[in-house]
Amino acid sequence: MTKEEQSQPGLGFGATCSEEDPRMLELLGSAEPEAAVTELVDRDVRIAELVAQIEILEQDLFAARGRISEIYKSTSWKITAPLRSIMLWIRGRDT
């Protein structure tokens, strides 16, 4: 079987089946091809779900970093810097 014949639609992200992936060869060569295809489709669906979740989390992280940056740039953060320094010094002395 050639590399082109091993390449299967629905593997996702341009993945191909090869000798380096024995589980994939086992699935594609199994006695129950419908079960193998179902498992591959389920895997692709799960991958798509995880990719979507990663994108959402990256957006949330970007927004949170923006809010933190705004806090550090705020006048109140700058004005209270000496107080925070004193509190850190006091807490450090207690330990």
PDB file of N, CA and C in Angstrom:
ATOM      1  N   MET A   1       0.853  -1.179   0.000  1.00  0.00           N
ATOM      2  CA  MET A   1       0.000   0.000   0.000  1.00  0.00           C
ATOM      3  C   MET A   1       0.897   1.240   0.000  1.00  0.00           C
ATOM      4  N   THR A   2       0.606   2.169  -0.885  1.00  0.00           N
ATOM      5  CA  THR A   2       1.421   3.379  -0.984  1.00  0.00           C
ATOM      6  C   THR A   2       0.988   4.381   0.062  1.00  0.00           C
ATOM      7  N   LYS A   3       1.818   5.390   0.260  1.00  0.00           N
ATOM      8  CA  LYS A   3       1.515   6.460   1.216  1.00  0.00           C
ATOM      9  C   LYS A   3       0.212   7.163   0.827  1.00  0.00           C
ATOM     10  N   GLU A   4      -0.014   7.340  -0.489  1.00  0.00           N
ATOM     11  CA  GLU A   4      -1.238   8.005  -0.951  1.00  0.00           C
ATOM     12  C   GLU A   4      -2.468   7.162  -0.630  1.00  0.00           C
ATOM     13  N   GLU A   5      -2.335   5.837  -0.766  1.00  0.00           N
ATOM     14  CA  GLU A   5      -3.456   4.973  -0.465  1.00  0.00           C
ATOM     15  C   GLU A   5      -3.742   4.935   1.031  1.00  0.00           C
ATOM     16  N   GLN A   6      -2.686   5.110   1.838  1.00  0.00           N
ATOM     17  CA  GLN A   6      -2.860   5.088   3.283  1.00  0.00           C
ATOM     18  C   GLN A   6      -3.488   6.373   3.792  1.00  0.00           C
ATOM     19  N   SER A   7      -3.296   7.453   3.068  1.00  0.00           N
ATOM     20  CA  SER A   7      -3.851   8.734   3.482  1.00  0.00           C
ATOM     21  C   SER A   7      -5.365   8.641   3.397  1.00  0.00           C
ATOM     22  N   GLN A   8      -6.023   8.993   4.480  1.00  0.00           N
ATOM     23  CA  GLN A   8      -7.462   8.857   4.542  1.00  0.00           C
ATOM     24  C   GLN A   8      -8.119  10.197   4.789  1.00  0.00           C
ATOM     25  N   PRO A   9      -9.203  10.515   4.071  1.00  0.00           N
ATOM     26  CA  PRO A   9      -9.925  11.739   4.400  1.00  0.00           C
ATOM     27  C   PRO A   9     -10.510  11.610   5.793  1.00  0.00           C
ATOM     28  N   GLY A  10     -10.575  12.722   6.488  1.00  0.00           N
ATOM     29  CA  GLY A  10     -11.151  12.713   7.821  1.00  0.00           C
ATOM     30  C   GLY A  10     -10.143  12.462   8.923  1.00  0.00           C
ATOM     31  N   LEU A  11      -8.872  12.261   8.577  1.00  0.00           N
ATOM     32  CA  LEU A  11      -7.867  12.096   9.622  1.00  0.00           C
ATOM     33  C   LEU A  11      -7.583  13.433  10.295  1.00  0.00           C
ATOM     34  N   GLY A  12      -7.850  14.503   9.617  1.00  0.00           N
ATOM     35  CA  GLY A  12      -7.690  15.831  10.207  1.00  0.00           C
ATOM     36  C   GLY A  12      -6.272  16.337  10.141  1.00  0.00           C
ATOM     37  N   PHE A  13      -6.117  17.629   9.922  1.00  0.00           N
ATOM     38  CA  PHE A  13      -4.850  18.343   9.947  1.00  0.00           C
ATOM     39  C   PHE A  13      -3.811  17.727   9.006  1.00  0.00           C
ATOM     40  N   GLY A  14      -4.265  17.133   7.905  1.00  0.00           N
ATOM     41  CA  GLY A  14      -3.346  16.593   6.921  1.00  0.00           C
ATOM     42  C   GLY A  14      -2.598  15.368   7.379  1.00  0.00           C
ATOM     43  N   ALA A  15      -3.096  14.697   8.421  1.00  0.00           N
ATOM     44  CA  ALA A  15      -2.421  13.506   8.937  1.00  0.00           C
ATOM     45  C   ALA A  15      -2.525  12.374   7.932  1.00  0.00           C
ATOM     46  N   THR A  16      -1.514  11.547   7.891  1.00  0.00           N
ATOM     47  CA  THR A  16      -1.540  10.363   7.049  1.00  0.00           C
ATOM     48  C   THR A  16      -1.227   9.154   7.899  1.00  0.00           C
ATOM     49  N   CYS A  17      -1.686   8.030   7.442  1.00  0.00           N
ATOM     50  CA  CYS A  17      -1.406   6.772   8.124  1.00  0.00           C
ATOM     51  C   CYS A  17      -0.062   6.273   7.633  1.00  0.00           C
ATOM     52  N   SER A  18       0.764   5.805   8.519  1.00  0.00           N
ATOM     53  CA  SER A  18       2.074   5.315   8.117  1.00  0.00           C
ATOM     54  C   SER A  18       2.513   4.200   9.047  1.00  0.00           C
ATOM     55  N   GLU A  19       3.636   3.593   8.712  1.00  0.00           N
ATOM     56  CA  GLU A  19       4.182   2.536   9.541  1.00  0.00           C
ATOM     57  C   GLU A  19       4.550   3.051  10.930  1.00  0.00           C
ATOM     58  N   GLU A  20       4.800   4.354  11.047  1.00  0.00           N
ATOM     59  CA  GLU A  20       5.156   4.937  12.338  1.00  0.00           C
ATOM     60  C   GLU A  20       3.944   5.031  13.270  1.00  0.00           C
ATOM     61  N   ASP A  21       2.754   4.814  12.739  1.00  0.00           N
ATOM     62  CA  ASP A  21       1.522   4.929  13.530  1.00  0.00           C
ATOM     63  C   ASP A  21       0.807   3.577  13.515  1.00  0.00           C
ATOM     64  N   PRO A  22       1.268   2.611  14.321  1.00  0.00           N
ATOM     65  CA  PRO A  22       0.690   1.268  14.279  1.00  0.00           C
ATOM     66  C   PRO A  22      -0.784   1.222  14.652  1.00  0.00           C
ATOM     67  N   ARG A  23      -1.231   2.098  15.535  1.00  0.00           N
ATOM     68  CA  ARG A  23      -2.649   2.100  15.934  1.00  0.00           C
ATOM     69  C   ARG A  23      -3.529   2.454  14.743  1.00  0.00           C
ATOM     70  N   MET A  24      -3.079   3.418  13.923  1.00  0.00           N
ATOM     71  CA  MET A  24      -3.860   3.823  12.763  1.00  0.00           C
ATOM     72  C   MET A  24      -3.926   2.688  11.746  1.00  0.00           C
ATOM     73  N   LEU A  25      -2.796   2.010  11.529  1.00  0.00           N
ATOM     74  CA  LEU A  25      -2.790   0.875  10.611  1.00  0.00           C
ATOM     75  C   LEU A  25      -3.702  -0.235  11.121  1.00  0.00           C
ATOM     76  N   GLU A  26      -3.685  -0.437  12.424  1.00  0.00           N
ATOM     77  CA  GLU A  26      -4.542  -1.463  13.019  1.00  0.00           C
ATOM     78  C   GLU A  26      -6.008  -1.127  12.784  1.00  0.00           C
ATOM     79  N   LEU A  27      -6.375   0.149  12.973  1.00  0.00           N
ATOM     80  CA  LEU A  27      -7.763   0.565  12.771  1.00  0.00           C
ATOM     81  C   LEU A  27      -8.184   0.397  11.318  1.00  0.00           C
ATOM     82  N   LEU A  28      -7.340   0.884  10.418  1.00  0.00           N
ATOM     83  CA  LEU A  28      -7.705   0.844   9.005  1.00  0.00           C
ATOM     84  C   LEU A  28      -7.705  -0.579   8.457  1.00  0.00           C
ATOM     85  N   GLY A  29      -6.907  -1.451   9.043  1.00  0.00           N
ATOM     86  CA  GLY A  29      -6.852  -2.827   8.580  1.00  0.00           C
ATOM     87  C   GLY A  29      -7.720  -3.763   9.387  1.00  0.00           C
ATOM     88  N   SER A  30      -8.555  -3.239  10.247  1.00  0.00           N
ATOM     89  CA  SER A  30      -9.345  -4.099  11.127  1.00  0.00           C
ATOM     90  C   SER A  30     -10.440  -4.822  10.345  1.00  0.00           C
ATOM     91  N   ALA A  31     -10.961  -5.859  10.970  1.00  0.00           N
ATOM     92  CA  ALA A  31     -12.015  -6.659  10.353  1.00  0.00           C
ATOM     93  C   ALA A  31     -13.330  -5.884  10.288  1.00  0.00           C
ATOM     94  N   GLU A  32     -13.442  -4.850  11.092  1.00  0.00           N
ATOM     95  CA  GLU A  32     -14.666  -4.056  11.125  1.00  0.00           C
ATOM     96  C   GLU A  32     -14.350  -2.635  10.673  1.00  0.00           C
ATOM     97  N   PRO A  33     -14.314  -2.387   9.355  1.00  0.00           N
ATOM     98  CA  PRO A  33     -13.937  -1.054   8.867  1.00  0.00           C
ATOM     99  C   PRO A  33     -14.894   0.043   9.324  1.00  0.00           C
ATOM    100  N   GLU A  34     -16.169  -0.295   9.504  1.00  0.00           N
ATOM    101  CA  GLU A  34     -17.125   0.718   9.965  1.00  0.00           C
ATOM    102  C   GLU A  34     -16.755   1.220  11.352  1.00  0.00           C
ATOM    103  N   ALA A  35     -16.337   0.307  12.214  1.00  0.00           N
ATOM    104  CA  ALA A  35     -15.934   0.692  13.562  1.00  0.00           C
ATOM    105  C   ALA A  35     -14.684   1.554  13.507  1.00  0.00           C
ATOM    106  N   ALA A  36     -13.767   1.217  12.614  1.00  0.00           N
ATOM    107  CA  ALA A  36     -12.540   2.002  12.479  1.00  0.00           C
ATOM    108  C   ALA A  36     -12.871   3.403  11.991  1.00  0.00           C
ATOM    109  N   VAL A  37     -13.740   3.501  11.003  1.00  0.00           N
ATOM    110  CA  VAL A  37     -14.124   4.809  10.473  1.00  0.00           C
ATOM    111  C   VAL A  37     -14.844   5.613  11.550  1.00  0.00           C
ATOM    112  N   THR A  38     -15.724   4.968  12.298  1.00  0.00           N
ATOM    113  CA  THR A  38     -16.442   5.654  13.375  1.00  0.00           C
ATOM    114  C   THR A  38     -15.465   6.184  14.413  1.00  0.00           C
ATOM    115  N   GLU A  39     -14.478   5.365  14.757  1.00  0.00           N
ATOM    116  CA  GLU A  39     -13.495   5.808  15.742  1.00  0.00           C
ATOM    117  C   GLU A  39     -12.684   6.991  15.226  1.00  0.00           C
ATOM    118  N   LEU A  40     -12.327   6.955  13.937  1.00  0.00           N
ATOM    119  CA  LEU A  40     -11.583   8.071  13.345  1.00  0.00           C
ATOM    120  C   LEU A  40     -12.422   9.339  13.310  1.00  0.00           C
ATOM    121  N   VAL A  41     -13.679   9.209  12.953  1.00  0.00           N
ATOM    122  CA  VAL A  41     -14.577  10.368  12.912  1.00  0.00           C
ATOM    123  C   VAL A  41     -14.757  10.929  14.314  1.00  0.00           C
ATOM    124  N   ASP A  42     -14.960  10.055  15.297  1.00  0.00           N
ATOM    125  CA  ASP A  42     -15.101  10.506  16.691  1.00  0.00           C
ATOM    126  C   ASP A  42     -13.849  11.241  17.143  1.00  0.00           C
ATOM    127  N   ARG A  43     -12.689  10.712  16.758  1.00  0.00           N
ATOM    128  CA  ARG A  43     -11.432  11.361  17.117  1.00  0.00           C
ATOM    129  C   ARG A  43     -11.329  12.742  16.482  1.00  0.00           C
ATOM    130  N   ASP A  44     -11.719  12.849  15.209  1.00  0.00           N
ATOM    131  CA  ASP A  44     -11.664  14.137  14.522  1.00  0.00           C
ATOM    132  C   ASP A  44     -12.612  15.151  15.150  1.00  0.00           C
ATOM    133  N   VAL A  45     -13.784  14.680  15.557  1.00  0.00           N
ATOM    134  CA  VAL A  45     -14.744  15.569  16.222  1.00  0.00           C
ATOM    135  C   VAL A  45     -14.154  16.070  17.529  1.00  0.00           C
ATOM    136  N   ARG A  46     -13.554  15.175  18.286  1.00  0.00           N
ATOM    137  CA  ARG A  46     -12.939  15.562  19.568  1.00  0.00           C
ATOM    138  C   ARG A  46     -11.805  16.555  19.351  1.00  0.00           C
ATOM    139  N   ILE A  47     -10.994  16.322  18.323  1.00  0.00           N
ATOM    140  CA  ILE A  47      -9.904  17.259  18.008  1.00  0.00           C
ATOM    141  C   ILE A  47     -10.478  18.629  17.678  1.00  0.00           C
ATOM    142  N   ALA A  48     -11.525  18.675  16.864  1.00  0.00           N
ATOM    143  CA  ALA A  48     -12.141  19.954  16.496  1.00  0.00           C
ATOM    144  C   ALA A  48     -12.690  20.667  17.732  1.00  0.00           C
ATOM    145  N   GLU A  49     -13.302  19.903  18.639  1.00  0.00           N
ATOM    146  CA  GLU A  49     -13.811  20.495  19.878  1.00  0.00           C
ATOM    147  C   GLU A  49     -12.673  21.085  20.713  1.00  0.00           C
ATOM    148  N   LEU A  50     -11.585  20.343  20.814  1.00  0.00           N
ATOM    149  CA  LEU A  50     -10.444  20.822  21.610  1.00  0.00           C
ATOM    150  C   LEU A  50      -9.801  22.052  20.979  1.00  0.00           C
ATOM    151  N   VAL A  51      -9.704  22.083  19.662  1.00  0.00           N
ATOM    152  CA  VAL A  51      -9.148  23.252  18.971  1.00  0.00           C
ATOM    153  C   VAL A  51     -10.025  24.472  19.226  1.00  0.00           C
ATOM    154  N   ALA A  52     -11.336  24.296  19.163  1.00  0.00           N
ATOM    155  CA  ALA A  52     -12.252  25.401  19.432  1.00  0.00           C
ATOM    156  C   ALA A  52     -12.111  25.882  20.879  1.00  0.00           C
ATOM    157  N   GLN A  53     -11.970  24.947  21.803  1.00  0.00           N
ATOM    158  CA  GLN A  53     -11.797  25.305  23.211  1.00  0.00           C
ATOM    159  C   GLN A  53     -10.488  26.063  23.419  1.00  0.00           C
ATOM    160  N   ILE A  54      -9.429  25.639  22.747  1.00  0.00           N
ATOM    161  CA  ILE A  54      -8.145  26.336  22.850  1.00  0.00           C
ATOM    162  C   ILE A  54      -8.278  27.765  22.345  1.00  0.00           C
ATOM    163  N   GLU A  55      -8.976  27.952  21.239  1.00  0.00           N
ATOM    164  CA  GLU A  55      -9.162  29.299  20.689  1.00  0.00           C
ATOM    165  C   GLU A  55      -9.901  30.199  21.678  1.00  0.00           C
ATOM    166  N   ILE A  56     -10.923  29.663  22.311  1.00  0.00           N
ATOM    167  CA  ILE A  56     -11.682  30.436  23.301  1.00  0.00           C
ATOM    168  C   ILE A  56     -10.794  30.795  24.488  1.00  0.00           C
ATOM    169  N   LEU A  57     -10.038  29.824  24.976  1.00  0.00           N
ATOM    170  CA  LEU A  57      -9.154  30.077  26.112  1.00  0.00           C
ATOM    171  C   LEU A  57      -8.060  31.091  25.769  1.00  0.00           C
ATOM    172  N   GLU A  58      -7.544  31.037  24.552  1.00  0.00           N
ATOM    173  CA  GLU A  58      -6.539  32.018  24.133  1.00  0.00           C
ATOM    174  C   GLU A  58      -7.135  33.421  24.090  1.00  0.00           C
ATOM    175  N   GLN A  59      -8.378  33.535  23.628  1.00  0.00           N
ATOM    176  CA  GLN A  59      -9.056  34.839  23.621  1.00  0.00           C
ATOM    177  C   GLN A  59      -9.248  35.351  25.049  1.00  0.00           C
ATOM    178  N   ASP A  60      -9.670  34.464  25.944  1.00  0.00           N
ATOM    179  CA  ASP A  60      -9.856  34.842  27.346  1.00  0.00           C
ATOM    180  C   ASP A  60      -8.536  35.286  27.967  1.00  0.00           C
ATOM    181  N   LEU A  61      -7.474  34.567  27.684  1.00  0.00           N
ATOM    182  CA  LEU A  61      -6.155  34.911  28.203  1.00  0.00           C
ATOM    183  C   LEU A  61      -5.710  36.277  27.690  1.00  0.00           C
ATOM    184  N   PHE A  62      -5.910  36.533  26.406  1.00  0.00           N
ATOM    185  CA  PHE A  62      -5.550  37.816  25.821  1.00  0.00           C
ATOM    186  C   PHE A  62      -6.322  38.951  26.500  1.00  0.00           C
ATOM    187  N   ALA A  63      -7.622  38.745  26.726  1.00  0.00           N
ATOM    188  CA  ALA A  63      -8.447  39.763  27.380  1.00  0.00           C
ATOM    189  C   ALA A  63      -7.988  39.991  28.822  1.00  0.00           C
ATOM    190  N   ALA A  64      -7.686  38.911  29.542  1.00  0.00           N
ATOM    191  CA  ALA A  64      -7.235  39.037  30.935  1.00  0.00           C
ATOM    192  C   ALA A  64      -5.905  39.779  31.012  1.00  0.00           C
ATOM    193  N   ARG A  65      -5.004  39.474  30.102  1.00  0.00           N
ATOM    194  CA  ARG A  65      -3.720  40.189  30.089  1.00  0.00           C
ATOM    195  C   ARG A  65      -3.921  41.669  29.797  1.00  0.00           C
ATOM    196  N   GLY A  66      -4.879  41.981  28.945  1.00  0.00           N
ATOM    197  CA  GLY A  66      -5.191  43.384  28.661  1.00  0.00           C
ATOM    198  C   GLY A  66      -5.719  44.102  29.889  1.00  0.00           C
ATOM    199  N   ARG A  67      -6.599  43.431  30.642  1.00  0.00           N
ATOM    200  CA  ARG A  67      -7.139  44.038  31.867  1.00  0.00           C
ATOM    201  C   ARG A  67      -6.036  44.247  32.902  1.00  0.00           C
ATOM    202  N   ILE A  68      -5.150  43.285  33.040  1.00  0.00           N
ATOM    203  CA  ILE A  68      -4.043  43.425  33.987  1.00  0.00           C
ATOM    204  C   ILE A  68      -3.142  44.587  33.585  1.00  0.00           C
ATOM    205  N   SER A  69      -2.880  44.696  32.307  1.00  0.00           N
ATOM    206  CA  SER A  69      -2.058  45.799  31.816  1.00  0.00           C
ATOM    207  C   SER A  69      -2.712  47.147  32.131  1.00  0.00           C
ATOM    208  N   GLU A  70      -4.019  47.231  31.968  1.00  0.00           N
ATOM    209  CA  GLU A  70      -4.742  48.469  32.287  1.00  0.00           C
ATOM    210  C   GLU A  70      -4.629  48.802  33.773  1.00  0.00           C
ATOM    211  N   ILE A  71      -4.704  47.791  34.619  1.00  0.00           N
ATOM    212  CA  ILE A  71      -4.579  48.018  36.065  1.00  0.00           C
ATOM    213  C   ILE A  71      -3.203  48.574  36.389  1.00  0.00           C
ATOM    214  N   TYR A  72      -2.156  47.951  35.848  1.00  0.00           N
ATOM    215  CA  TYR A  72      -0.791  48.411  36.130  1.00  0.00           C
ATOM    216  C   TYR A  72      -0.538  49.826  35.623  1.00  0.00           C
ATOM    217  N   LYS A  73      -1.241  50.241  34.589  1.00  0.00           N
ATOM    218  CA  LYS A  73      -1.072  51.587  34.037  1.00  0.00           C
ATOM    219  C   LYS A  73      -1.939  52.631  34.740  1.00  0.00           C
ATOM    220  N   SER A  74      -2.853  52.186  35.585  1.00  0.00           N
ATOM    221  CA  SER A  74      -3.803  53.108  36.205  1.00  0.00           C
ATOM    222  C   SER A  74      -3.128  53.999  37.249  1.00  0.00           C
ATOM    223  N   THR A  75      -3.723  55.171  37.442  1.00  0.00           N
ATOM    224  CA  THR A  75      -3.220  56.126  38.429  1.00  0.00           C
ATOM    225  C   THR A  75      -3.295  55.547  39.833  1.00  0.00           C
ATOM    226  N   SER A  76      -4.384  54.856  40.149  1.00  0.00           N
ATOM    227  CA  SER A  76      -4.536  54.307  41.500  1.00  0.00           C
ATOM    228  C   SER A  76      -3.453  53.262  41.787  1.00  0.00           C
ATOM    229  N   TRP A  77      -3.070  52.479  40.813  1.00  0.00           N
ATOM    230  CA  TRP A  77      -2.001  51.497  41.014  1.00  0.00           C
ATOM    231  C   TRP A  77      -0.682  52.198  41.307  1.00  0.00           C
ATOM    232  N   LYS A  78      -0.430  53.273  40.569  1.00  0.00           N
ATOM    233  CA  LYS A  78       0.814  54.023  40.750  1.00  0.00           C
ATOM    234  C   LYS A  78       0.841  54.739  42.098  1.00  0.00           C
ATOM    235  N   ILE A  79      -0.294  55.296  42.495  1.00  0.00           N
ATOM    236  CA  ILE A  79      -0.362  56.029  43.766  1.00  0.00           C
ATOM    237  C   ILE A  79      -0.195  55.095  44.957  1.00  0.00           C
ATOM    238  N   THR A  80      -0.743  53.886  44.855  1.00  0.00           N
ATOM    239  CA  THR A  80      -0.680  52.960  45.991  1.00  0.00           C
ATOM    240  C   THR A  80       0.604  52.123  46.011  1.00  0.00           C
ATOM    241  N   ALA A  81       1.506  52.337  45.067  1.00  0.00           N
ATOM    242  CA  ALA A  81       2.758  51.568  45.019  1.00  0.00           C
ATOM    243  C   ALA A  81       3.548  51.667  46.328  1.00  0.00           C
ATOM    244  N   PRO A  82       3.714  52.876  46.909  1.00  0.00           N
ATOM    245  CA  PRO A  82       4.464  52.955  48.166  1.00  0.00           C
ATOM    246  C   PRO A  82       3.798  52.158  49.298  1.00  0.00           C
ATOM    247  N   LEU A  83       2.490  52.211  49.355  1.00  0.00           N
ATOM    248  CA  LEU A  83       1.762  51.464  50.391  1.00  0.00           C
ATOM    249  C   LEU A  83       1.976  49.958  50.212  1.00  0.00           C
ATOM    250  N   ARG A  84       1.905  49.485  48.996  1.00  0.00           N
ATOM    251  CA  ARG A  84       2.149  48.059  48.746  1.00  0.00           C
ATOM    252  C   ARG A  84       3.569  47.674  49.139  1.00  0.00           C
ATOM    253  N   SER A  85       4.526  48.542  48.868  1.00  0.00           N
ATOM    254  CA  SER A  85       5.920  48.270  49.241  1.00  0.00           C
ATOM    255  C   SER A  85       6.072  48.184  50.752  1.00  0.00           C
ATOM    256  N   ILE A  86       5.442  49.098  51.468  1.00  0.00           N
ATOM    257  CA  ILE A  86       5.509  49.088  52.935  1.00  0.00           C
ATOM    258  C   ILE A  86       4.884  47.813  53.482  1.00  0.00           C
ATOM    259  N   MET A  87       3.733  47.428  52.923  1.00  0.00           N
ATOM    260  CA  MET A  87       3.048  46.216  53.388  1.00  0.00           C
ATOM    261  C   MET A  87       3.914  44.975  53.122  1.00  0.00           C
ATOM    262  N   LEU A  88       4.564  44.912  51.989  1.00  0.00           N
ATOM    263  CA  LEU A  88       5.449  43.779  51.697  1.00  0.00           C
ATOM    264  C   LEU A  88       6.622  43.755  52.688  1.00  0.00           C
ATOM    265  N   TRP A  89       7.146  44.920  53.025  1.00  0.00           N
ATOM    266  CA  TRP A  89       8.268  45.011  53.959  1.00  0.00           C
ATOM    267  C   TRP A  89       7.830  44.542  55.341  1.00  0.00           C
ATOM    268  N   ILE A  90       6.638  44.987  55.782  1.00  0.00           N
ATOM    269  CA  ILE A  90       6.109  44.583  57.089  1.00  0.00           C
ATOM    270  C   ILE A  90       5.863  43.086  57.127  1.00  0.00           C
ATOM    271  N   ARG A  91       5.232  42.547  56.107  1.00  0.00           N
ATOM    272  CA  ARG A  91       4.958  41.102  56.064  1.00  0.00           C
ATOM    273  C   ARG A  91       6.255  40.304  56.037  1.00  0.00           C
ATOM    274  N   GLY A  92       7.246  40.800  55.324  1.00  0.00           N
ATOM    275  CA  GLY A  92       8.538  40.118  55.266  1.00  0.00           C
ATOM    276  C   GLY A  92       9.242  40.102  56.597  1.00  0.00           C
ATOM    277  N   ARG A  93       9.029  41.135  57.388  1.00  0.00           N
ATOM    278  CA  ARG A  93       9.664  41.230  58.716  1.00  0.00           C
ATOM    279  C   ARG A  93       9.009  40.258  59.694  1.00  0.00           C
ATOM    280  N   ASP A  94       7.710  39.960  59.488  1.00  0.00           N
ATOM    281  CA  ASP A  94       6.989  39.075  60.399  1.00  0.00           C
ATOM    282  C   ASP A  94       7.370  37.615  60.195  1.00  0.00           C
ATOM    283  N   THR A  95       7.867  37.248  59.048  1.00  0.00           N
ATOM    284  CA  THR A  95       8.163  35.832  58.815  1.00  0.00           C
ATOM    285  C   THR A  95       9.543  35.442  59.267  1.00  0.00           C
TER     286      THR A  95
END
